[in-house]
């Protein structure tokens, strides 16, 4: 399984820029986070796992893969709604999945070309799809496209990790932004450690 790649260069930079984060990095060591290089597959997977436990998500995801054979827009468009639902999904999620496949087939969102866009353009495009919010798009930037500088204010665990690291009682947006800028251009690596600290 491929993982998010990073190394000494990013870690040295973050340790230099932020003493507290540097101490946490030294204590925790290298982290391995799995990625899903195919952004279409990653997007469908994120819909499947919304608001259910990891274990339930894995079961539903495996059933869906068995049904489809391959997770492609073409294949999803050929499969009946009731069959997708039978994998253990709500009607709403089923509609989202059908809608995302439709968007890919019509070219409304060309998943194969996402890597050519900026982070902002990708977030805008993906969050226009039903079922995909800004947070989901940000997670796709990290865990599919491996973008180097993503720190999500919408991610509760990242915010919790930040509060734990700096001993904060609350985290207003402007304080968050100050830290985010400090981590740049390696915000994603900082995010991995903030998750570990949450």
N, C-alpha and C. Protein backbone atom coordinates (compact mmCIF):
# COMPACT_ATOMS: atom_id res chain seq x y z
N UNK A 1 0.86 -1.21 0.00
CA UNK A 1 0.00 0.00 0.00
C UNK A 1 0.89 1.25 0.00
N UNK A 2 0.69 2.17 -0.95
CA UNK A 2 1.52 3.38 -0.97
C UNK A 2 1.24 4.28 0.24
N UNK A 3 2.27 5.02 0.67
CA UNK A 3 2.11 5.92 1.82
C UNK A 3 2.51 7.35 1.44
N UNK A 4 2.12 8.29 2.29
CA UNK A 4 2.50 9.69 2.07
C UNK A 4 4.00 9.82 2.30
N UNK A 5 4.72 10.26 1.27
CA UNK A 5 6.18 10.32 1.35
C UNK A 5 6.67 11.66 1.92
N UNK A 6 7.54 11.60 2.89
CA UNK A 6 8.24 12.80 3.36
C UNK A 6 9.54 12.37 4.01
N UNK A 7 10.40 13.32 4.30
CA UNK A 7 11.69 12.91 4.85
C UNK A 7 12.36 14.00 5.68
N UNK A 8 13.70 13.92 5.75
CA UNK A 8 14.49 14.80 6.61
C UNK A 8 14.28 16.28 6.30
N UNK A 9 14.22 16.60 5.01
CA UNK A 9 14.11 18.01 4.60
C UNK A 9 12.90 18.69 5.27
N UNK A 10 11.73 18.03 5.16
CA UNK A 10 10.50 18.58 5.75
C UNK A 10 10.60 18.64 7.28
N UNK A 11 11.13 17.57 7.87
CA UNK A 11 11.21 17.51 9.33
C UNK A 11 12.17 18.55 9.89
N UNK A 12 13.32 18.71 9.25
CA UNK A 12 14.30 19.71 9.71
C UNK A 12 13.69 21.11 9.64
N UNK A 13 12.97 21.37 8.56
CA UNK A 13 12.34 22.69 8.39
C UNK A 13 11.34 22.95 9.52
N UNK A 14 10.46 21.99 9.76
CA UNK A 14 9.42 22.15 10.79
C UNK A 14 10.05 22.28 12.19
N UNK A 15 11.09 21.50 12.45
CA UNK A 15 11.76 21.57 13.76
C UNK A 15 12.41 22.95 13.96
N UNK A 16 12.93 23.50 12.86
CA UNK A 16 13.58 24.81 12.93
C UNK A 16 12.54 25.92 13.15
N UNK A 17 11.40 25.75 12.50
CA UNK A 17 10.36 26.80 12.52
C UNK A 17 9.53 26.79 13.81
N UNK A 18 9.39 25.62 14.44
CA UNK A 18 8.51 25.51 15.59
C UNK A 18 9.09 24.53 16.61
N UNK A 19 9.58 25.08 17.69
CA UNK A 19 10.29 24.29 18.70
C UNK A 19 9.39 23.19 19.29
N UNK A 20 8.15 23.57 19.63
CA UNK A 20 7.23 22.59 20.26
C UNK A 20 6.89 21.45 19.30
N UNK A 21 6.61 21.82 18.06
CA UNK A 21 6.31 20.78 17.07
C UNK A 21 7.56 19.91 16.86
N UNK A 22 8.71 20.55 16.85
CA UNK A 22 9.98 19.83 16.69
C UNK A 22 10.18 18.79 17.77
N UNK A 23 9.88 19.15 19.00
CA UNK A 23 10.01 18.20 20.12
C UNK A 23 9.06 17.01 19.93
N UNK A 24 7.83 17.32 19.49
CA UNK A 24 6.83 16.26 19.25
C UNK A 24 7.29 15.32 18.13
N UNK A 25 7.84 15.91 17.06
CA UNK A 25 8.33 15.10 15.93
C UNK A 25 9.44 14.15 16.40
N UNK A 26 10.36 14.66 17.20
CA UNK A 26 11.48 13.82 17.70
C UNK A 26 10.95 12.68 18.58
N UNK A 27 9.92 13.01 19.36
CA UNK A 27 9.35 12.02 20.27
C UNK A 27 8.57 10.93 19.50
N UNK A 28 7.82 11.35 18.50
CA UNK A 28 6.92 10.44 17.77
C UNK A 28 7.67 9.62 16.71
N UNK A 29 8.64 10.25 16.06
CA UNK A 29 9.37 9.56 14.97
C UNK A 29 8.59 9.61 13.66
N UNK A 30 9.04 8.85 12.69
CA UNK A 30 8.41 8.87 11.36
C UNK A 30 7.01 8.25 11.42
N UNK A 31 6.09 8.84 10.64
CA UNK A 31 4.72 8.35 10.59
C UNK A 31 4.43 7.78 9.21
N UNK A 32 3.64 6.74 9.18
CA UNK A 32 3.21 6.17 7.89
C UNK A 32 1.71 6.33 7.75
N UNK A 33 1.30 7.06 6.73
CA UNK A 33 -0.14 7.19 6.45
C UNK A 33 -0.42 6.71 5.04
N UNK A 34 -1.37 5.79 4.93
CA UNK A 34 -1.69 5.22 3.62
C UNK A 34 -2.36 6.27 2.72
N UNK A 35 -2.11 6.14 1.43
CA UNK A 35 -2.77 7.03 0.46
C UNK A 35 -3.49 6.20 -0.59
N UNK A 36 -4.44 6.84 -1.28
CA UNK A 36 -5.16 6.21 -2.40
C UNK A 36 -4.87 7.07 -3.62
N UNK A 37 -3.86 6.68 -4.42
CA UNK A 37 -3.40 7.56 -5.50
C UNK A 37 -4.47 7.93 -6.54
N UNK A 38 -5.48 7.08 -6.71
CA UNK A 38 -6.54 7.39 -7.70
C UNK A 38 -7.59 8.30 -7.04
N UNK A 39 -7.66 9.59 -7.46
CA UNK A 39 -8.56 10.52 -6.79
C UNK A 39 -10.05 10.18 -6.91
N UNK A 40 -10.45 9.53 -8.01
CA UNK A 40 -11.86 9.15 -8.15
C UNK A 40 -12.21 8.10 -7.09
N UNK A 41 -11.36 7.10 -7.01
CA UNK A 41 -11.55 6.03 -6.02
C UNK A 41 -11.53 6.59 -4.60
N UNK A 42 -10.60 7.52 -4.36
CA UNK A 42 -10.48 8.15 -3.03
C UNK A 42 -11.76 8.92 -2.67
N UNK A 43 -12.33 9.57 -3.67
CA UNK A 43 -13.55 10.36 -3.44
C UNK A 43 -14.74 9.45 -3.11
N UNK A 44 -14.88 8.37 -3.85
CA UNK A 44 -15.97 7.41 -3.58
C UNK A 44 -15.79 6.80 -2.19
N UNK A 45 -14.55 6.44 -1.88
CA UNK A 45 -14.25 5.85 -0.58
C UNK A 45 -14.60 6.80 0.56
N UNK A 46 -14.34 8.09 0.36
CA UNK A 46 -14.65 9.06 1.42
C UNK A 46 -16.16 9.21 1.63
N UNK A 47 -16.94 9.06 0.56
CA UNK A 47 -18.41 9.10 0.70
C UNK A 47 -18.87 7.88 1.51
N UNK A 48 -18.32 6.72 1.17
CA UNK A 48 -18.67 5.48 1.86
C UNK A 48 -18.44 5.61 3.37
N UNK A 49 -17.30 6.21 3.75
CA UNK A 49 -16.92 6.22 5.17
C UNK A 49 -17.51 7.38 5.98
N UNK A 50 -18.26 8.27 5.32
CA UNK A 50 -18.86 9.40 6.05
C UNK A 50 -19.80 8.91 7.16
N UNK A 51 -19.59 9.43 8.36
CA UNK A 51 -20.50 9.23 9.50
C UNK A 51 -20.74 7.78 9.92
N UNK A 52 -19.78 6.90 9.59
CA UNK A 52 -19.87 5.53 10.12
C UNK A 52 -18.49 5.14 10.65
N UNK A 53 -18.43 4.10 11.46
CA UNK A 53 -17.15 3.69 12.05
C UNK A 53 -16.22 3.15 10.96
N UNK A 54 -14.93 3.13 11.26
CA UNK A 54 -13.94 2.61 10.30
C UNK A 54 -14.23 1.17 9.92
N UNK A 55 -14.65 0.39 10.91
CA UNK A 55 -14.93 -1.03 10.66
C UNK A 55 -16.12 -1.20 9.71
N UNK A 56 -17.18 -0.44 9.98
CA UNK A 56 -18.37 -0.50 9.10
C UNK A 56 -18.01 -0.02 7.69
N UNK A 57 -17.21 1.05 7.63
CA UNK A 57 -16.82 1.61 6.33
C UNK A 57 -16.04 0.58 5.51
N UNK A 58 -15.16 -0.14 6.19
CA UNK A 58 -14.35 -1.15 5.50
C UNK A 58 -15.23 -2.26 4.92
N UNK A 59 -16.23 -2.68 5.70
CA UNK A 59 -17.16 -3.72 5.25
C UNK A 59 -17.94 -3.26 4.01
N UNK A 60 -18.49 -2.05 4.08
CA UNK A 60 -19.29 -1.51 2.96
C UNK A 60 -18.41 -1.32 1.73
N UNK A 61 -17.21 -0.80 1.95
CA UNK A 61 -16.26 -0.55 0.85
C UNK A 61 -15.88 -1.86 0.15
N UNK A 62 -15.64 -2.91 0.93
CA UNK A 62 -15.29 -4.21 0.35
C UNK A 62 -16.46 -4.77 -0.47
N UNK A 63 -17.68 -4.60 0.07
CA UNK A 63 -18.87 -5.08 -0.68
C UNK A 63 -19.02 -4.32 -2.00
N UNK A 64 -18.80 -3.01 -1.93
CA UNK A 64 -18.94 -2.18 -3.13
C UNK A 64 -17.91 -2.59 -4.18
N UNK A 65 -16.69 -2.85 -3.75
CA UNK A 65 -15.64 -3.27 -4.68
C UNK A 65 -15.95 -4.62 -5.31
N UNK A 66 -16.54 -5.52 -4.50
CA UNK A 66 -16.96 -6.82 -5.04
C UNK A 66 -18.02 -6.62 -6.13
N UNK A 67 -18.96 -5.74 -5.84
CA UNK A 67 -20.05 -5.47 -6.78
C UNK A 67 -19.52 -4.87 -8.08
N UNK A 68 -18.63 -3.90 -7.95
CA UNK A 68 -18.18 -3.14 -9.13
C UNK A 68 -17.09 -3.86 -9.91
N UNK A 69 -16.23 -4.59 -9.20
CA UNK A 69 -15.08 -5.18 -9.90
C UNK A 69 -13.96 -4.16 -10.00
N UNK A 70 -14.29 -2.99 -10.52
CA UNK A 70 -13.34 -1.86 -10.50
C UNK A 70 -14.10 -0.58 -10.16
N UNK A 71 -13.47 0.26 -9.35
CA UNK A 71 -14.16 1.49 -8.93
C UNK A 71 -13.93 2.57 -9.98
N UNK A 72 -14.75 2.55 -11.02
CA UNK A 72 -14.64 3.57 -12.07
C UNK A 72 -16.01 4.20 -12.29
N UNK A 73 -16.01 5.39 -12.86
CA UNK A 73 -17.26 6.10 -13.14
C UNK A 73 -18.13 5.29 -14.09
N UNK A 74 -17.48 4.72 -15.11
CA UNK A 74 -18.16 3.91 -16.11
C UNK A 74 -18.93 2.77 -15.44
N UNK A 75 -18.22 2.07 -14.57
CA UNK A 75 -18.80 0.89 -13.91
C UNK A 75 -19.95 1.29 -12.97
N UNK A 76 -19.76 2.38 -12.22
CA UNK A 76 -20.80 2.84 -11.29
C UNK A 76 -22.07 3.22 -12.07
N UNK A 77 -21.88 3.83 -13.24
CA UNK A 77 -23.04 4.25 -14.05
C UNK A 77 -23.84 3.05 -14.55
N UNK A 78 -23.17 1.89 -14.69
CA UNK A 78 -23.86 0.69 -15.21
C UNK A 78 -24.61 -0.08 -14.13
N UNK A 79 -24.26 0.18 -12.87
CA UNK A 79 -24.82 -0.61 -11.77
C UNK A 79 -26.10 0.04 -11.24
N UNK A 80 -27.06 -0.79 -10.92
CA UNK A 80 -28.35 -0.29 -10.44
C UNK A 80 -28.24 0.31 -9.03
N UNK A 81 -29.00 1.37 -8.81
CA UNK A 81 -29.02 2.06 -7.51
C UNK A 81 -29.29 1.09 -6.36
N UNK A 82 -30.25 0.20 -6.56
CA UNK A 82 -30.62 -0.73 -5.48
C UNK A 82 -29.47 -1.69 -5.13
N UNK A 83 -28.65 -2.02 -6.13
CA UNK A 83 -27.49 -2.90 -5.87
C UNK A 83 -26.44 -2.17 -5.03
N UNK A 84 -26.24 -0.87 -5.32
CA UNK A 84 -25.28 -0.09 -4.53
C UNK A 84 -25.79 0.04 -3.09
N UNK A 85 -27.07 0.31 -2.98
CA UNK A 85 -27.68 0.42 -1.63
C UNK A 85 -27.53 -0.87 -0.84
N UNK A 86 -27.66 -1.99 -1.53
CA UNK A 86 -27.58 -3.31 -0.88
C UNK A 86 -26.19 -3.57 -0.26
N UNK A 87 -25.20 -2.78 -0.65
CA UNK A 87 -23.86 -2.92 -0.05
C UNK A 87 -23.86 -2.38 1.38
N UNK A 88 -24.95 -1.70 1.75
CA UNK A 88 -25.04 -1.18 3.12
C UNK A 88 -25.00 0.34 3.18
N UNK A 89 -25.48 0.96 2.09
CA UNK A 89 -25.45 2.42 2.04
C UNK A 89 -26.82 3.06 2.05
N UNK A 90 -26.88 4.27 2.60
CA UNK A 90 -28.15 5.00 2.62
C UNK A 90 -28.48 5.46 1.20
N UNK A 91 -29.72 5.82 1.01
CA UNK A 91 -30.15 6.31 -0.31
C UNK A 91 -29.37 7.56 -0.68
N UNK A 92 -29.12 8.41 0.32
CA UNK A 92 -28.41 9.66 0.06
C UNK A 92 -26.99 9.40 -0.44
N UNK A 93 -26.29 8.52 0.26
CA UNK A 93 -24.92 8.20 -0.16
C UNK A 93 -24.89 7.59 -1.56
N UNK A 94 -25.88 6.74 -1.82
CA UNK A 94 -25.97 6.11 -3.14
C UNK A 94 -26.12 7.18 -4.23
N UNK A 95 -26.97 8.17 -3.95
CA UNK A 95 -27.15 9.28 -4.92
C UNK A 95 -25.87 10.06 -5.10
N UNK A 96 -25.15 10.30 -4.00
CA UNK A 96 -23.87 11.02 -4.08
C UNK A 96 -22.90 10.28 -5.00
N UNK A 97 -22.81 8.96 -4.80
CA UNK A 97 -21.86 8.14 -5.58
C UNK A 97 -22.22 8.16 -7.06
N UNK A 98 -23.51 8.02 -7.34
CA UNK A 98 -23.99 8.08 -8.74
C UNK A 98 -23.67 9.46 -9.33
N UNK A 99 -23.89 10.51 -8.52
CA UNK A 99 -23.65 11.89 -8.97
C UNK A 99 -22.19 12.16 -9.28
N UNK A 100 -21.30 11.61 -8.45
CA UNK A 100 -19.85 11.81 -8.67
C UNK A 100 -19.41 11.09 -9.95
N UNK A 101 -19.94 9.88 -10.15
CA UNK A 101 -19.62 9.13 -11.38
C UNK A 101 -20.11 9.90 -12.60
N UNK A 102 -21.32 10.45 -12.49
CA UNK A 102 -21.92 11.24 -13.58
C UNK A 102 -21.05 12.47 -13.89
N UNK A 103 -20.59 13.15 -12.84
CA UNK A 103 -19.76 14.36 -13.02
C UNK A 103 -18.45 14.01 -13.74
N UNK A 104 -17.91 12.84 -13.43
CA UNK A 104 -16.67 12.41 -14.08
C UNK A 104 -16.92 12.08 -15.55
N UNK A 105 -18.02 11.37 -15.82
CA UNK A 105 -18.33 10.95 -17.19
C UNK A 105 -18.66 12.14 -18.10
N UNK A 106 -19.33 13.14 -17.53
CA UNK A 106 -19.69 14.30 -18.36
C UNK A 106 -18.54 15.31 -18.46
N UNK A 107 -17.49 15.08 -17.67
CA UNK A 107 -16.36 16.01 -17.71
C UNK A 107 -16.53 17.22 -16.80
N UNK A 108 -17.63 17.24 -16.04
CA UNK A 108 -17.86 18.35 -15.10
C UNK A 108 -16.70 18.42 -14.10
N UNK A 109 -16.27 17.26 -13.65
CA UNK A 109 -15.05 17.15 -12.85
C UNK A 109 -14.21 16.04 -13.46
N UNK A 110 -13.08 16.41 -14.07
CA UNK A 110 -12.21 15.41 -14.68
C UNK A 110 -11.19 14.95 -13.63
N UNK A 111 -11.49 13.83 -13.00
CA UNK A 111 -10.63 13.34 -11.90
C UNK A 111 -9.21 13.04 -12.37
N UNK A 112 -9.07 12.63 -13.64
CA UNK A 112 -7.73 12.29 -14.14
C UNK A 112 -6.85 13.54 -14.33
N UNK A 113 -7.49 14.72 -14.33
CA UNK A 113 -6.70 15.95 -14.53
C UNK A 113 -6.61 16.81 -13.26
N UNK A 114 -7.16 16.31 -12.16
CA UNK A 114 -7.15 17.10 -10.92
C UNK A 114 -5.74 17.52 -10.52
N UNK A 115 -4.77 16.63 -10.76
CA UNK A 115 -3.39 16.92 -10.33
C UNK A 115 -2.80 18.15 -11.03
N UNK A 116 -3.44 18.60 -12.12
CA UNK A 116 -2.91 19.78 -12.83
C UNK A 116 -3.43 21.09 -12.23
N UNK A 117 -4.38 21.00 -11.29
CA UNK A 117 -5.00 22.21 -10.73
C UNK A 117 -4.34 22.59 -9.40
N UNK A 118 -4.57 23.84 -8.98
CA UNK A 118 -4.07 24.29 -7.67
C UNK A 118 -4.96 23.71 -6.57
N UNK A 119 -4.48 23.75 -5.34
CA UNK A 119 -5.27 23.26 -4.20
C UNK A 119 -6.64 23.95 -4.17
N UNK A 120 -6.63 25.27 -4.34
CA UNK A 120 -7.89 26.06 -4.27
C UNK A 120 -8.86 25.64 -5.37
N UNK A 121 -8.34 25.43 -6.57
CA UNK A 121 -9.20 25.03 -7.70
C UNK A 121 -9.81 23.64 -7.44
N UNK A 122 -9.00 22.75 -6.89
CA UNK A 122 -9.48 21.40 -6.60
C UNK A 122 -10.59 21.44 -5.54
N UNK A 123 -10.36 22.21 -4.47
CA UNK A 123 -11.37 22.33 -3.40
C UNK A 123 -12.67 22.88 -3.97
N UNK A 124 -12.55 23.90 -4.82
CA UNK A 124 -13.75 24.53 -5.42
C UNK A 124 -14.50 23.53 -6.29
N UNK A 125 -13.76 22.82 -7.13
CA UNK A 125 -14.39 21.85 -8.05
C UNK A 125 -15.06 20.71 -7.28
N UNK A 126 -14.33 20.11 -6.35
CA UNK A 126 -14.86 18.94 -5.64
C UNK A 126 -16.01 19.31 -4.71
N UNK A 127 -15.91 20.45 -4.03
CA UNK A 127 -16.97 20.80 -3.08
C UNK A 127 -18.25 21.27 -3.79
N UNK A 128 -18.20 21.37 -5.12
CA UNK A 128 -19.44 21.66 -5.87
C UNK A 128 -20.25 20.38 -6.06
N UNK A 129 -19.64 19.22 -5.79
CA UNK A 129 -20.35 17.94 -5.92
C UNK A 129 -21.18 17.66 -4.67
N UNK A 130 -22.37 17.09 -4.85
CA UNK A 130 -23.20 16.74 -3.70
C UNK A 130 -22.51 15.67 -2.87
N UNK A 131 -22.42 15.91 -1.57
CA UNK A 131 -21.81 14.93 -0.68
C UNK A 131 -20.34 15.19 -0.40
N UNK A 132 -19.76 16.11 -1.17
CA UNK A 132 -18.34 16.43 -0.97
C UNK A 132 -18.22 17.86 -0.44
N UNK A 133 -17.81 17.98 0.80
CA UNK A 133 -17.62 19.31 1.36
C UNK A 133 -16.16 19.72 1.27
N UNK A 134 -15.85 20.88 1.79
CA UNK A 134 -14.48 21.39 1.76
C UNK A 134 -13.53 20.44 2.51
N UNK A 135 -13.98 19.92 3.67
CA UNK A 135 -13.12 19.03 4.44
C UNK A 135 -12.76 17.77 3.63
N UNK A 136 -13.75 17.17 2.98
CA UNK A 136 -13.50 15.98 2.16
C UNK A 136 -12.49 16.29 1.06
N UNK A 137 -12.66 17.46 0.44
CA UNK A 137 -11.74 17.87 -0.63
C UNK A 137 -10.33 18.05 -0.07
N UNK A 138 -10.22 18.62 1.12
CA UNK A 138 -8.90 18.81 1.74
C UNK A 138 -8.24 17.46 2.05
N UNK A 139 -9.04 16.49 2.52
CA UNK A 139 -8.49 15.17 2.81
C UNK A 139 -8.02 14.47 1.52
N UNK A 140 -8.72 14.74 0.42
CA UNK A 140 -8.33 14.19 -0.87
C UNK A 140 -7.00 14.80 -1.33
N UNK A 141 -6.82 16.09 -1.04
CA UNK A 141 -5.55 16.74 -1.37
C UNK A 141 -4.39 16.04 -0.67
N UNK A 142 -4.63 15.64 0.58
CA UNK A 142 -3.58 14.97 1.36
C UNK A 142 -3.43 13.51 0.97
N UNK A 143 -4.53 12.76 1.08
CA UNK A 143 -4.44 11.29 1.01
C UNK A 143 -4.61 10.70 -0.39
N UNK A 144 -4.72 11.56 -1.40
CA UNK A 144 -4.74 11.04 -2.77
C UNK A 144 -3.72 11.78 -3.62
N UNK A 145 -3.78 13.11 -3.57
CA UNK A 145 -2.90 13.90 -4.44
C UNK A 145 -1.58 14.26 -3.78
N UNK A 146 -1.46 13.94 -2.47
CA UNK A 146 -0.21 14.17 -1.73
C UNK A 146 0.29 15.61 -1.84
N UNK A 147 -0.64 16.55 -1.72
CA UNK A 147 -0.23 17.96 -1.75
C UNK A 147 0.53 18.29 -0.46
N UNK A 148 1.61 19.08 -0.56
CA UNK A 148 2.53 19.23 0.57
C UNK A 148 2.11 20.20 1.66
N UNK A 149 1.10 21.06 1.38
CA UNK A 149 0.86 22.15 2.33
C UNK A 149 -0.61 22.31 2.72
N UNK A 150 -1.18 21.24 3.30
CA UNK A 150 -2.60 21.27 3.68
C UNK A 150 -2.74 21.10 5.20
N UNK A 151 -3.32 22.12 5.85
CA UNK A 151 -3.66 22.04 7.28
C UNK A 151 -5.12 22.49 7.37
N UNK A 152 -6.01 21.58 7.74
CA UNK A 152 -7.45 21.86 7.67
C UNK A 152 -8.02 22.37 9.00
N UNK A 153 -8.57 23.58 8.94
CA UNK A 153 -9.25 24.14 10.13
C UNK A 153 -10.56 23.41 10.40
N UNK A 154 -11.07 22.72 9.36
CA UNK A 154 -12.34 21.98 9.51
C UNK A 154 -12.13 20.60 10.12
N UNK A 155 -10.87 20.21 10.30
CA UNK A 155 -10.60 18.90 10.85
C UNK A 155 -10.45 19.00 12.37
N UNK A 156 -11.41 18.41 13.08
CA UNK A 156 -11.43 18.54 14.55
C UNK A 156 -10.19 17.97 15.20
N UNK A 157 -9.70 16.85 14.67
CA UNK A 157 -8.52 16.22 15.27
C UNK A 157 -7.27 17.07 15.08
N UNK A 158 -7.14 17.71 13.93
CA UNK A 158 -6.00 18.61 13.70
C UNK A 158 -6.05 19.78 14.69
N UNK A 159 -7.23 20.36 14.85
CA UNK A 159 -7.39 21.48 15.79
C UNK A 159 -7.12 21.02 17.23
N UNK A 160 -7.57 19.83 17.56
CA UNK A 160 -7.34 19.29 18.90
C UNK A 160 -5.84 19.06 19.13
N UNK A 161 -5.17 18.53 18.11
CA UNK A 161 -3.74 18.30 18.18
C UNK A 161 -2.98 19.60 18.39
N UNK A 162 -3.41 20.64 17.69
CA UNK A 162 -2.79 21.96 17.81
C UNK A 162 -2.99 22.52 19.22
N UNK A 163 -4.20 22.39 19.74
CA UNK A 163 -4.50 22.88 21.08
C UNK A 163 -3.69 22.12 22.13
N UNK A 164 -3.56 20.80 21.95
CA UNK A 164 -2.75 19.99 22.87
C UNK A 164 -1.28 20.40 22.82
N UNK A 165 -0.80 20.62 21.60
CA UNK A 165 0.62 20.95 21.42
C UNK A 165 1.00 22.27 22.10
N UNK A 166 0.12 23.26 21.94
CA UNK A 166 0.45 24.60 22.46
C UNK A 166 -0.25 24.93 23.78
N UNK A 167 -0.98 23.94 24.34
CA UNK A 167 -1.67 24.15 25.61
C UNK A 167 -2.74 25.23 25.52
N UNK A 168 -3.54 25.18 24.44
CA UNK A 168 -4.57 26.21 24.24
C UNK A 168 -5.93 25.71 24.71
N UNK A 169 -6.74 26.63 25.24
CA UNK A 169 -8.12 26.29 25.66
C UNK A 169 -9.08 26.42 24.47
N UNK A 170 -8.75 27.34 23.58
CA UNK A 170 -9.56 27.50 22.36
C UNK A 170 -8.66 27.87 21.19
N UNK A 171 -9.19 27.74 20.00
CA UNK A 171 -8.37 27.97 18.81
C UNK A 171 -9.13 28.82 17.79
N UNK A 172 -9.09 30.16 17.97
CA UNK A 172 -9.74 31.01 16.97
C UNK A 172 -9.02 30.90 15.61
N UNK A 173 -9.75 31.18 14.55
CA UNK A 173 -9.23 31.02 13.17
C UNK A 173 -7.92 31.78 12.97
N UNK A 174 -7.83 32.99 13.51
CA UNK A 174 -6.61 33.78 13.24
C UNK A 174 -5.37 33.18 13.91
N UNK A 175 -5.57 32.55 15.07
CA UNK A 175 -4.44 31.87 15.74
C UNK A 175 -4.04 30.63 14.94
N UNK A 176 -5.04 29.90 14.50
CA UNK A 176 -4.80 28.72 13.65
C UNK A 176 -3.99 29.13 12.42
N UNK A 177 -4.42 30.23 11.77
CA UNK A 177 -3.75 30.71 10.55
C UNK A 177 -2.29 31.05 10.80
N UNK A 178 -2.02 31.59 11.98
CA UNK A 178 -0.65 31.96 12.31
C UNK A 178 0.25 30.71 12.34
N UNK A 179 -0.25 29.65 12.96
CA UNK A 179 0.51 28.39 12.99
C UNK A 179 0.61 27.78 11.59
N UNK A 180 -0.50 27.81 10.87
CA UNK A 180 -0.53 27.23 9.52
C UNK A 180 0.55 27.87 8.64
N UNK A 181 0.65 29.20 8.72
CA UNK A 181 1.67 29.91 7.92
C UNK A 181 3.08 29.52 8.35
N UNK A 182 3.24 29.28 9.64
CA UNK A 182 4.56 28.90 10.16
C UNK A 182 5.00 27.54 9.59
N UNK A 183 4.05 26.63 9.42
CA UNK A 183 4.38 25.29 8.90
C UNK A 183 4.65 25.28 7.39
N UNK A 184 4.12 26.27 6.69
CA UNK A 184 4.21 26.30 5.23
C UNK A 184 5.69 26.38 4.80
N UNK A 185 6.11 25.69 3.74
CA UNK A 185 5.33 24.95 2.73
C UNK A 185 5.14 23.45 3.03
N UNK A 186 5.34 23.05 4.29
CA UNK A 186 5.21 21.61 4.62
C UNK A 186 4.08 21.36 5.60
N UNK A 187 2.97 22.06 5.40
CA UNK A 187 1.83 21.94 6.30
C UNK A 187 1.27 20.54 6.43
N UNK A 188 1.32 19.77 5.34
CA UNK A 188 0.74 18.43 5.38
C UNK A 188 1.50 17.54 6.37
N UNK A 189 2.82 17.65 6.39
CA UNK A 189 3.61 16.86 7.33
C UNK A 189 3.27 17.29 8.77
N UNK A 190 3.12 18.60 8.96
CA UNK A 190 2.68 19.09 10.29
C UNK A 190 1.33 18.48 10.65
N UNK A 191 0.41 18.40 9.69
CA UNK A 191 -0.91 17.81 9.92
C UNK A 191 -0.80 16.37 10.42
N UNK A 192 0.09 15.60 9.82
CA UNK A 192 0.26 14.19 10.23
C UNK A 192 0.63 14.12 11.71
N UNK A 193 1.49 15.04 12.15
CA UNK A 193 1.91 15.04 13.56
C UNK A 193 0.83 15.59 14.47
N UNK A 194 0.08 16.57 13.98
CA UNK A 194 -1.03 17.11 14.79
C UNK A 194 -2.09 16.03 15.02
N UNK A 195 -2.34 15.20 14.00
CA UNK A 195 -3.27 14.07 14.19
C UNK A 195 -2.75 13.14 15.27
N UNK A 196 -1.46 12.88 15.22
CA UNK A 196 -0.86 11.96 16.20
C UNK A 196 -0.95 12.54 17.62
N UNK A 197 -1.03 13.86 17.72
CA UNK A 197 -1.09 14.53 19.02
C UNK A 197 -2.51 14.73 19.54
N UNK A 198 -3.49 14.38 18.71
CA UNK A 198 -4.89 14.68 19.09
C UNK A 198 -5.41 13.65 20.06
